[in-house]
Amino acid sequence: MMNSSVRTFIAIKIIPEKKLLEVLAHIRAECSDEAIKWVKPDNLHITLKFLGDTSAKQVEKIKKQLETIVENFKPFQGVLKGVGYFKTKSQPRILFANIYDAEQLNEIVEGIESKISTLGFAAEQRSFKPHLTLARIKFLKNRKAFYHLIDNYYNAEFQVVPVTELIFFQSKLNSDGPEYQPLQIAKFKG
């Protein structure tokens, strides 16, 4: 890939409210001696499509495609509710909050997949499961305590999430974690 390529993804930004921040602070405190990398509150987002290396030419084409996608959608709301985790080889790897009442996200992702795949990006093979990544788990010393803690928040409702736009982000990897810069904010027009 050319040197002028950037790492990109398409997402919905989440601005955490008090209850979510309190729960995150509690889980962090309880897991303080575990090998967990927490997502910074101002980096919270729901990824709709990770693109990876993207050329300058592709960036411009993606911006145009996103403008056509948002024309078909009206703003809506989802609900952040419940904490869960994805596992690999029986080890929890990703801690996340679920998002409910946001069926339109599936339609948006379908639109993104169909438009963006024409620009040389592979279609996602896994089915879309909307979620808000809270942390990446490297290793757990005490899985039992972790499971017990997370079970306390299985059904907790955190906040209503207004969904009014798609953001096309550039991801810059720094020593203190990723920095996300919007390349485009495409507001729903429907």
C-alpha atoms as a PDB file:
ATOM      1  CA  MET A   1       0.000   0.000   0.000  1.00  0.00           C
ATOM      2  CA  MET A   2       1.173   3.547  -0.662  1.00  0.00           C
ATOM      3  CA  ASN A   3       2.788   5.629   2.061  1.00  0.00           C
ATOM      4  CA  SER A   4      -0.089   8.108   1.858  1.00  0.00           C
ATOM      5  CA  SER A   5      -2.578   5.545   3.169  1.00  0.00           C
ATOM      6  CA  VAL A   6      -4.277   6.034   6.532  1.00  0.00           C
ATOM      7  CA  ARG A   7      -6.075   3.600   8.865  1.00  0.00           C
ATOM      8  CA  THR A   8      -9.803   4.285   8.797  1.00  0.00           C
ATOM      9  CA  PHE A   9     -13.168   3.082  10.068  1.00  0.00           C
ATOM     10  CA  ILE A  10     -16.811   4.181   9.996  1.00  0.00           C
ATOM     11  CA  ALA A  11     -18.574   4.549  13.342  1.00  0.00           C
ATOM     12  CA  ILE A  12     -21.156   6.201  15.541  1.00  0.00           C
ATOM     13  CA  LYS A  13     -19.644   8.295  18.334  1.00  0.00           C
ATOM     14  CA  ILE A  14     -20.944   7.644  21.831  1.00  0.00           C
ATOM     15  CA  ILE A  15     -20.834  10.408  24.418  1.00  0.00           C
ATOM     16  CA  PRO A  16     -20.922   8.562  27.748  1.00  0.00           C
ATOM     17  CA  GLU A  17     -23.332   9.827  30.377  1.00  0.00           C
ATOM     18  CA  LYS A  18     -23.024   9.671  34.164  1.00  0.00           C
ATOM     19  CA  LYS A  19     -24.388   6.153  34.735  1.00  0.00           C
ATOM     20  CA  LEU A  20     -22.157   4.517  32.116  1.00  0.00           C
ATOM     21  CA  LEU A  21     -19.112   6.392  33.440  1.00  0.00           C
ATOM     22  CA  GLU A  22     -19.910   5.292  37.013  1.00  0.00           C
ATOM     23  CA  VAL A  23     -20.258   1.638  36.002  1.00  0.00           C
ATOM     24  CA  LEU A  24     -17.020   1.801  34.020  1.00  0.00           C
ATOM     25  CA  ALA A  25     -15.227   3.358  36.999  1.00  0.00           C
ATOM     26  CA  HIS A  26     -16.539   0.585  39.274  1.00  0.00           C
ATOM     27  CA  ILE A  27     -15.522  -2.232  36.913  1.00  0.00           C
ATOM     28  CA  ARG A  28     -12.090  -0.617  36.420  1.00  0.00           C
ATOM     29  CA  ALA A  29     -11.558  -0.325  40.171  1.00  0.00           C
ATOM     30  CA  GLU A  30     -12.583  -3.953  40.749  1.00  0.00           C
ATOM     31  CA  CYS A  31     -10.286  -5.134  37.924  1.00  0.00           C
ATOM     32  CA  SER A  32      -7.375  -2.798  38.669  1.00  0.00           C
ATOM     33  CA  ASP A  33      -4.797  -5.586  38.849  1.00  0.00           C
ATOM     34  CA  GLU A  34      -5.967  -7.327  35.677  1.00  0.00           C
ATOM     35  CA  ALA A  35      -4.305  -6.903  32.260  1.00  0.00           C
ATOM     36  CA  ILE A  36      -7.088  -4.826  30.690  1.00  0.00           C
ATOM     37  CA  LYS A  37      -6.714  -1.893  28.272  1.00  0.00           C
ATOM     38  CA  TRP A  38      -9.660   0.479  28.717  1.00  0.00           C
ATOM     39  CA  VAL A  39     -11.105   2.599  25.938  1.00  0.00           C
ATOM     40  CA  LYS A  40     -10.820   6.292  26.818  1.00  0.00           C
ATOM     41  CA  PRO A  41     -14.295   7.831  27.373  1.00  0.00           C
ATOM     42  CA  ASP A  42     -13.790  10.314  24.528  1.00  0.00           C
ATOM     43  CA  ASN A  43     -12.902   7.441  22.152  1.00  0.00           C
ATOM     44  CA  LEU A  44     -16.105   5.436  22.746  1.00  0.00           C
ATOM     45  CA  HIS A  45     -17.839   4.518  19.493  1.00  0.00           C
ATOM     46  CA  ILE A  46     -19.812   1.773  17.781  1.00  0.00           C
ATOM     47  CA  THR A  47     -17.790   0.528  14.820  1.00  0.00           C
ATOM     48  CA  LEU A  48     -19.920  -0.075  11.746  1.00  0.00           C
ATOM     49  CA  LYS A  49     -17.076  -0.911   9.355  1.00  0.00           C
ATOM     50  CA  PHE A  50     -13.335  -1.179   9.941  1.00  0.00           C
ATOM     51  CA  LEU A  51     -11.532  -0.362   6.702  1.00  0.00           C
ATOM     52  CA  GLY A  52      -7.860  -0.424   7.673  1.00  0.00           C
ATOM     53  CA  ASP A  53      -5.336   0.986   5.178  1.00  0.00           C
ATOM     54  CA  THR A  54      -7.127   3.497   2.965  1.00  0.00           C
ATOM     55  CA  SER A  55      -5.550   5.500   0.135  1.00  0.00           C
ATOM     56  CA  ALA A  56      -6.231   9.218  -0.368  1.00  0.00           C
ATOM     57  CA  LYS A  57      -8.246   8.358  -3.498  1.00  0.00           C
ATOM     58  CA  GLN A  58     -10.360   5.824  -1.553  1.00  0.00           C
ATOM     59  CA  VAL A  59     -10.935   8.370   1.255  1.00  0.00           C
ATOM     60  CA  GLU A  60     -12.556  10.773  -1.222  1.00  0.00           C
ATOM     61  CA  LYS A  61     -14.711   8.020  -2.750  1.00  0.00           C
ATOM     62  CA  ILE A  62     -15.821   6.799   0.687  1.00  0.00           C
ATOM     63  CA  LYS A  63     -16.886  10.343   1.636  1.00  0.00           C
ATOM     64  CA  LYS A  64     -19.108  10.489  -1.463  1.00  0.00           C
ATOM     65  CA  GLN A  65     -20.618   7.061  -0.731  1.00  0.00           C
ATOM     66  CA  LEU A  66     -21.381   7.994   2.891  1.00  0.00           C
ATOM     67  CA  GLU A  67     -23.268  11.074   1.716  1.00  0.00           C
ATOM     68  CA  THR A  68     -25.538   8.835  -0.384  1.00  0.00           C
ATOM     69  CA  ILE A  69     -26.017   6.346   2.479  1.00  0.00           C
ATOM     70  CA  VAL A  70     -27.154   8.966   5.036  1.00  0.00           C
ATOM     71  CA  GLU A  71     -29.793  10.333   2.655  1.00  0.00           C
ATOM     72  CA  ASN A  72     -31.922   7.254   3.411  1.00  0.00           C
ATOM     73  CA  PHE A  73     -31.932   7.521   7.210  1.00  0.00           C
ATOM     74  CA  LYS A  74     -33.631   9.671   9.808  1.00  0.00           C
ATOM     75  CA  PRO A  75     -32.092  10.229  13.250  1.00  0.00           C
ATOM     76  CA  PHE A  76     -33.094   7.563  15.774  1.00  0.00           C
ATOM     77  CA  GLN A  77     -32.236   6.384  19.275  1.00  0.00           C
ATOM     78  CA  GLY A  78     -30.776   3.215  20.694  1.00  0.00           C
ATOM     79  CA  VAL A  79     -30.352   2.115  24.289  1.00  0.00           C
ATOM     80  CA  LEU A  80     -27.054   1.045  25.860  1.00  0.00           C
ATOM     81  CA  LYS A  81     -27.971  -1.816  28.148  1.00  0.00           C
ATOM     82  CA  GLY A  82     -26.055  -4.674  29.697  1.00  0.00           C
ATOM     83  CA  VAL A  83     -22.383  -5.583  29.747  1.00  0.00           C
ATOM     84  CA  GLY A  84     -20.974  -8.684  28.079  1.00  0.00           C
ATOM     85  CA  TYR A  85     -17.768 -10.045  26.633  1.00  0.00           C
ATOM     86  CA  PHE A  86     -16.524 -11.795  23.524  1.00  0.00           C
ATOM     87  CA  LYS A  87     -14.291 -14.822  24.073  1.00  0.00           C
ATOM     88  CA  THR A  88     -11.555 -16.528  22.130  1.00  0.00           C
ATOM     89  CA  LYS A  89     -10.349 -19.931  23.286  1.00  0.00           C
ATOM     90  CA  SER A  90     -12.498 -19.577  26.448  1.00  0.00           C
ATOM     91  CA  GLN A  91     -10.646 -16.393  27.448  1.00  0.00           C
ATOM     92  CA  PRO A  92     -12.659 -13.120  27.534  1.00  0.00           C
ATOM     93  CA  ARG A  93     -11.057 -10.688  25.074  1.00  0.00           C
ATOM     94  CA  ILE A  94     -13.453  -7.765  24.574  1.00  0.00           C
ATOM     95  CA  LEU A  95     -15.673  -6.176  27.237  1.00  0.00           C
ATOM     96  CA  PHE A  96     -18.656  -4.392  25.698  1.00  0.00           C
ATOM     97  CA  ALA A  97     -22.046  -2.800  26.297  1.00  0.00           C
ATOM     98  CA  ASN A  98     -24.976  -3.935  24.157  1.00  0.00           C
ATOM     99  CA  ILE A  99     -27.053  -1.535  22.124  1.00  0.00           C
ATOM    100  CA  TYR A 100     -30.778  -2.249  21.756  1.00  0.00           C
ATOM    101  CA  ASP A 101     -33.706  -0.749  19.841  1.00  0.00           C
ATOM    102  CA  ALA A 102     -31.364   0.228  17.034  1.00  0.00           C
ATOM    103  CA  GLU A 103     -32.453  -2.074  14.205  1.00  0.00           C
ATOM    104  CA  GLN A 104     -31.627   0.684  11.706  1.00  0.00           C
ATOM    105  CA  LEU A 105     -27.929   0.025  12.461  1.00  0.00           C
ATOM    106  CA  ASN A 106     -28.228  -3.267  10.578  1.00  0.00           C
ATOM    107  CA  GLU A 107     -29.679  -1.449   7.554  1.00  0.00           C
ATOM    108  CA  ILE A 108     -26.938   1.186   7.734  1.00  0.00           C
ATOM    109  CA  VAL A 109     -24.249  -1.517   7.885  1.00  0.00           C
ATOM    110  CA  GLU A 110     -25.809  -3.270   4.871  1.00  0.00           C
ATOM    111  CA  GLY A 111     -25.695   0.034   2.973  1.00  0.00           C
ATOM    112  CA  ILE A 112     -22.071   0.615   3.978  1.00  0.00           C
ATOM    113  CA  GLU A 113     -21.074  -2.929   2.992  1.00  0.00           C
ATOM    114  CA  SER A 114     -22.708  -2.700  -0.436  1.00  0.00           C
ATOM    115  CA  LYS A 115     -21.283   0.755  -1.265  1.00  0.00           C
ATOM    116  CA  ILE A 116     -17.805   0.330   0.242  1.00  0.00           C
ATOM    117  CA  SER A 117     -17.152  -3.151  -1.197  1.00  0.00           C
ATOM    118  CA  THR A 118     -17.186  -1.549  -4.664  1.00  0.00           C
ATOM    119  CA  LEU A 119     -14.131   0.502  -3.597  1.00  0.00           C
ATOM    120  CA  GLY A 120     -11.865  -2.480  -3.001  1.00  0.00           C
ATOM    121  CA  PHE A 121     -12.667  -3.304   0.638  1.00  0.00           C
ATOM    122  CA  ALA A 122     -13.558  -6.882   1.513  1.00  0.00           C
ATOM    123  CA  ALA A 123     -17.084  -7.489   2.766  1.00  0.00           C
ATOM    124  CA  GLU A 124     -17.322  -8.435   6.441  1.00  0.00           C
ATOM    125  CA  GLN A 125     -17.797 -12.205   6.807  1.00  0.00           C
ATOM    126  CA  ARG A 126     -19.179 -12.139  10.353  1.00  0.00           C
ATOM    127  CA  SER A 127     -22.724 -10.993  10.972  1.00  0.00           C
ATOM    128  CA  PHE A 128     -22.981  -7.525  12.490  1.00  0.00           C
ATOM    129  CA  LYS A 129     -23.494  -7.461  16.260  1.00  0.00           C
ATOM    130  CA  PRO A 130     -23.841  -3.834  17.366  1.00  0.00           C
ATOM    131  CA  HIS A 131     -21.855  -3.197  20.547  1.00  0.00           C
ATOM    132  CA  LEU A 132     -19.822  -0.552  22.320  1.00  0.00           C
ATOM    133  CA  THR A 133     -16.303  -1.792  23.093  1.00  0.00           C
ATOM    134  CA  LEU A 134     -15.345  -0.741  26.631  1.00  0.00           C
ATOM    135  CA  ALA A 135     -12.035  -2.574  27.032  1.00  0.00           C
ATOM    136  CA  ARG A 136      -9.656  -5.105  25.510  1.00  0.00           C
ATOM    137  CA  ILE A 137      -8.688  -7.901  27.860  1.00  0.00           C
ATOM    138  CA  LYS A 138      -5.133  -9.201  27.546  1.00  0.00           C
ATOM    139  CA  PHE A 139      -5.324 -11.705  30.388  1.00  0.00           C
ATOM    140  CA  LEU A 140      -7.426 -12.357  33.504  1.00  0.00           C
ATOM    141  CA  LYS A 141      -5.847 -13.736  36.656  1.00  0.00           C
ATOM    142  CA  ASN A 142      -9.223 -14.155  38.349  1.00  0.00           C
ATOM    143  CA  ARG A 143     -11.835 -15.056  35.741  1.00  0.00           C
ATOM    144  CA  LYS A 144     -14.389 -16.114  38.351  1.00  0.00           C
ATOM    145  CA  ALA A 145     -14.363 -12.680  40.014  1.00  0.00           C
ATOM    146  CA  PHE A 146     -14.545 -11.013  36.602  1.00  0.00           C
ATOM    147  CA  TYR A 147     -17.573 -13.095  35.535  1.00  0.00           C
ATOM    148  CA  HIS A 148     -19.323 -12.390  38.845  1.00  0.00           C
ATOM    149  CA  LEU A 149     -18.684  -8.642  38.490  1.00  0.00           C
ATOM    150  CA  ILE A 150     -19.911  -8.506  34.883  1.00  0.00           C
ATOM    151  CA  ASP A 151     -23.031 -10.551  35.730  1.00  0.00           C
ATOM    152  CA  ASN A 152     -24.083  -7.682  38.039  1.00  0.00           C
ATOM    153  CA  TYR A 153     -24.499  -5.484  34.962  1.00  0.00           C
ATOM    154  CA  TYR A 154     -26.051  -8.048  32.619  1.00  0.00           C
ATOM    155  CA  ASN A 155     -29.352  -6.135  32.433  1.00  0.00           C
ATOM    156  CA  ALA A 156     -28.322  -2.659  33.617  1.00  0.00           C
ATOM    157  CA  GLU A 157     -29.612   0.174  31.458  1.00  0.00           C
ATOM    158  CA  PHE A 158     -27.015   2.923  31.000  1.00  0.00           C
ATOM    159  CA  GLN A 159     -28.311   5.566  28.633  1.00  0.00           C
ATOM    160  CA  VAL A 160     -30.254   6.434  25.530  1.00  0.00           C
ATOM    161  CA  VAL A 161     -27.990   6.975  22.522  1.00  0.00           C
ATOM    162  CA  PRO A 162     -29.044   9.485  19.858  1.00  0.00           C
ATOM    163  CA  VAL A 163     -27.894   8.334  16.423  1.00  0.00           C
ATOM    164  CA  THR A 164     -27.875  11.288  14.037  1.00  0.00           C
ATOM    165  CA  GLU A 165     -24.747  10.831  11.929  1.00  0.00           C
ATOM    166  CA  LEU A 166     -22.009   8.546  10.667  1.00  0.00           C
ATOM    167  CA  ILE A 167     -18.402   9.495  11.290  1.00  0.00           C
ATOM    168  CA  PHE A 168     -15.594   8.434   8.983  1.00  0.00           C
ATOM    169  CA  PHE A 169     -12.560   8.325  11.285  1.00  0.00           C
ATOM    170  CA  GLN A 170      -8.826   8.157  10.770  1.00  0.00           C
ATOM    171  CA  SER A 171      -7.124   6.112  13.485  1.00  0.00           C
ATOM    172  CA  LYS A 172      -3.617   7.142  14.506  1.00  0.00           C
ATOM    173  CA  LEU A 173      -1.835   4.688  16.752  1.00  0.00           C
ATOM    174  CA  ASN A 174       0.190   6.428  19.470  1.00  0.00           C
ATOM    175  CA  SER A 175       2.150   5.087  22.436  1.00  0.00           C
ATOM    176  CA  ASP A 176      -0.657   6.106  24.816  1.00  0.00           C
ATOM    177  CA  GLY A 177      -3.381   4.520  22.678  1.00  0.00           C
ATOM    178  CA  PRO A 178      -5.252   5.352  19.474  1.00  0.00           C
ATOM    179  CA  GLU A 179      -6.295   8.853  18.491  1.00  0.00           C
ATOM    180  CA  TYR A 180      -9.379   9.162  16.294  1.00  0.00           C
ATOM    181  CA  GLN A 181      -9.758  12.129  13.941  1.00  0.00           C
ATOM    182  CA  PRO A 182     -12.944  12.646  11.940  1.00  0.00           C
ATOM    183  CA  LEU A 183     -12.349  12.808   8.205  1.00  0.00           C
ATOM    184  CA  GLN A 184     -16.068  13.346   7.602  1.00  0.00           C
ATOM    185  CA  ILE A 185     -19.269  13.699   9.596  1.00  0.00           C
ATOM    186  CA  ALA A 186     -22.262  12.625   7.492  1.00  0.00           C
ATOM    187  CA  LYS A 187     -25.570  13.688   9.090  1.00  0.00           C
ATOM    188  CA  PHE A 188     -28.750  11.701   8.456  1.00  0.00           C
ATOM    189  CA  LYS A 189     -31.084  13.473   6.054  1.00  0.00           C
ATOM    190  CA  GLY A 190     -34.124  11.236   5.731  1.00  0.00           C
END
